[in-house]
C-alpha atoms as a PDB file:
ATOM      1  CA  MET A   1     -23.940   5.262   5.104  1.00  0.00           C
ATOM      2  CA  HIS A   2     -25.539   3.365   2.772  1.00  0.00           C
ATOM      3  CA  ILE A   3     -27.462   6.433   1.956  1.00  0.00           C
ATOM      4  CA  VAL A   4     -24.816   8.756   1.557  1.00  0.00           C
ATOM      5  CA  LEU A   5     -23.110   6.129  -0.694  1.00  0.00           C
ATOM      6  CA  SER A   6     -26.042   5.596  -2.723  1.00  0.00           C
ATOM      7  CA  ALA A   7     -26.244   9.291  -3.354  1.00  0.00           C
ATOM      8  CA  LEU A   8     -22.460   9.439  -4.583  1.00  0.00           C
ATOM      9  CA  PHE A   9     -23.034   6.655  -6.597  1.00  0.00           C
ATOM     10  CA  GLY A  10     -26.316   8.175  -8.228  1.00  0.00           C
ATOM     11  CA  ILE A  11     -24.233  11.469  -8.830  1.00  0.00           C
ATOM     12  CA  VAL A  12     -21.608   9.647 -10.758  1.00  0.00           C
ATOM     13  CA  PHE A  13     -24.304   7.787 -12.681  1.00  0.00           C
ATOM     14  CA  ALA A  14     -26.080  11.159 -13.389  1.00  0.00           C
ATOM     15  CA  LEU A  15     -22.786  12.526 -15.230  1.00  0.00           C
ATOM     16  CA  ILE A  16     -22.961   9.259 -17.123  1.00  0.00           C
ATOM     17  CA  VAL A  17     -26.054   9.459 -18.453  1.00  0.00           C
ATOM     18  CA  PRO A  18     -25.941  12.476 -21.123  1.00  0.00           C
ATOM     19  CA  VAL A  19     -23.814  10.331 -23.067  1.00  0.00           C
ATOM     20  CA  PHE A  20     -26.845   8.010 -23.706  1.00  0.00           C
ATOM     21  CA  ARG A  21     -28.867   8.664 -26.626  1.00  0.00           C
ATOM     22  CA  THR A  22     -31.962   6.800 -25.894  1.00  0.00           C
ATOM     23  CA  ASN A  23     -33.728   5.744 -22.330  1.00  0.00           C
ATOM     24  CA  GLY A  24     -33.385   1.960 -23.157  1.00  0.00           C
ATOM     25  CA  THR A  25     -29.726   2.536 -23.647  1.00  0.00           C
ATOM     26  CA  VAL A  26     -29.900   4.709 -19.730  1.00  0.00           C
ATOM     27  CA  ALA A  27     -31.945   1.291 -18.657  1.00  0.00           C
ATOM     28  CA  LEU A  28     -29.112  -1.123 -20.114  1.00  0.00           C
ATOM     29  CA  ALA A  29     -26.452   1.265 -18.666  1.00  0.00           C
ATOM     30  CA  GLY A  30     -28.430   1.510 -15.222  1.00  0.00           C
ATOM     31  CA  GLY A  31     -28.189  -2.562 -15.012  1.00  0.00           C
ATOM     32  CA  LEU A  32     -24.709  -2.325 -16.048  1.00  0.00           C
ATOM     33  CA  PHE A  33     -23.624   0.239 -13.348  1.00  0.00           C
ATOM     34  CA  GLY A  34     -25.113  -1.709 -10.826  1.00  0.00           C
ATOM     35  CA  GLY A  35     -22.859  -4.918 -11.609  1.00  0.00           C
ATOM     36  CA  LEU A  36     -20.094  -2.688 -11.765  1.00  0.00           C
ATOM     37  CA  LEU A  37     -21.025  -1.506  -8.285  1.00  0.00           C
ATOM     38  CA  PHE A  38     -20.716  -5.026  -7.146  1.00  0.00           C
ATOM     39  CA  VAL A  39     -17.763  -6.127  -8.376  1.00  0.00           C
ATOM     40  CA  VAL A  40     -15.867  -3.402  -6.887  1.00  0.00           C
ATOM     41  CA  ASP A  41     -17.852  -3.067  -3.764  1.00  0.00           C
ATOM     42  CA  PHE A  42     -17.937  -6.933  -3.098  1.00  0.00           C
ATOM     43  CA  LEU A  43     -14.642  -8.716  -5.089  1.00  0.00           C
ATOM     44  CA  ILE A  44     -12.512  -5.640  -4.839  1.00  0.00           C
ATOM     45  CA  ILE A  45     -13.170  -3.665  -1.912  1.00  0.00           C
ATOM     46  CA  ALA A  46     -14.458  -5.970   0.748  1.00  0.00           C
ATOM     47  CA  GLU A  47     -11.771  -8.827  -0.172  1.00  0.00           C
ATOM     48  CA  VAL A  48      -8.789  -6.421   0.231  1.00  0.00           C
ATOM     49  CA  TRP A  49      -9.964  -4.161   3.173  1.00  0.00           C
ATOM     50  CA  LEU A  50     -12.857  -5.336   5.033  1.00  0.00           C
ATOM     51  CA  ASP A  51     -12.917  -8.525   6.589  1.00  0.00           C
ATOM     52  CA  ARG A  52     -16.533  -8.841   8.124  1.00  0.00           C
ATOM     53  CA  PHE A  53     -17.739  -8.850   4.482  1.00  0.00           C
ATOM     54  CA  GLN A  54     -16.628 -12.002   3.734  1.00  0.00           C
ATOM     55  CA  MET A  55     -19.603 -14.158   3.574  1.00  0.00           C
ATOM     56  CA  PRO A  56     -22.399 -12.017   1.655  1.00  0.00           C
ATOM     57  CA  ASN A  57     -25.206 -13.488  -0.080  1.00  0.00           C
ATOM     58  CA  ARG A  58     -23.279 -12.663  -3.371  1.00  0.00           C
ATOM     59  CA  PRO A  59     -26.334 -13.771  -5.682  1.00  0.00           C
ATOM     60  CA  PHE A  60     -28.353 -11.511  -3.895  1.00  0.00           C
ATOM     61  CA  GLU A  61     -26.031  -8.853  -3.382  1.00  0.00           C
ATOM     62  CA  LEU A  62     -25.656  -8.860  -7.250  1.00  0.00           C
ATOM     63  CA  ALA A  63     -29.188  -8.612  -7.980  1.00  0.00           C
ATOM     64  CA  ILE A  64     -29.864  -6.103  -5.657  1.00  0.00           C
ATOM     65  CA  HIS A  65     -26.911  -3.712  -6.959  1.00  0.00           C
ATOM     66  CA  ILE A  66     -28.300  -4.577 -10.585  1.00  0.00           C
ATOM     67  CA  VAL A  67     -31.764  -3.584  -9.303  1.00  0.00           C
ATOM     68  CA  PHE A  68     -30.265  -0.035  -7.925  1.00  0.00           C
ATOM     69  CA  GLY A  69     -28.835   0.910 -11.462  1.00  0.00           C
ATOM     70  CA  HIS A  70     -32.085   0.325 -12.793  1.00  0.00           C
ATOM     71  CA  LEU A  71     -33.903   2.538 -10.393  1.00  0.00           C
ATOM     72  CA  LEU A  72     -31.312   5.199 -11.220  1.00  0.00           C
ATOM     73  CA  ALA A  73     -32.223   5.091 -14.842  1.00  0.00           C
ATOM     74  CA  VAL A  74     -35.979   4.867 -14.245  1.00  0.00           C
ATOM     75  CA  ALA A  75     -35.635   8.185 -11.931  1.00  0.00           C
ATOM     76  CA  PHE A  76     -33.499   9.556 -15.059  1.00  0.00           C
ATOM     77  CA  TYR A  77     -35.996   8.596 -17.887  1.00  0.00           C
ATOM     78  CA  SER A  78     -39.204   8.949 -15.506  1.00  0.00           C
ATOM     79  CA  SER A  79     -38.461  12.517 -14.142  1.00  0.00           C
ATOM     80  CA  GLY A  80     -39.076  14.564 -17.461  1.00  0.00           C
ATOM     81  CA  THR A  81     -35.898  15.531 -18.274  1.00  0.00           C
ATOM     82  CA  ARG A  82     -35.262  12.709 -21.244  1.00  0.00           C
ATOM     83  CA  ARG A  83     -39.106  13.002 -22.041  1.00  0.00           C
ATOM     84  CA  GLY A  84     -38.620  13.539 -25.997  1.00  0.00           C
ATOM     85  CA  GLU A  85     -36.187  10.711 -26.434  1.00  0.00           C
ATOM     86  CA  PRO A  86     -37.302   7.595 -27.570  1.00  0.00           C
ATOM     87  CA  PHE A  87     -37.265   4.138 -25.339  1.00  0.00           C
ATOM     88  CA  VAL A  88     -35.520   2.306 -28.635  1.00  0.00           C
ATOM     89  CA  ALA A  89     -33.980   4.290 -31.561  1.00  0.00           C
ATOM     90  CA  VAL A  90     -35.061   1.893 -34.324  1.00  0.00           C
ATOM     91  CA  GLY A  91     -34.947   3.063 -37.413  1.00  0.00           C
ATOM     92  CA  ARG A  92     -32.534   5.890 -36.808  1.00  0.00           C
END
């Protein structure tokens, strides 16, 4: 189930990525996306519908979700699809 959800979240992120101009923005958005996943998963869904997830290690889960978002970003700017774009848009 985790693999399927991760793939679906990756697809959602892939739909958002073309909006960003630089790879640095993609990296920042990846971290924010992971944080948003944590909020939705643990602070909304788990609190409302899933009683067994009431005692997770929240700092660890937040960190792991942010890492997941950054790994999504790395997958996008290391795959070559955004090769010609700068990491930061300094002087633009």
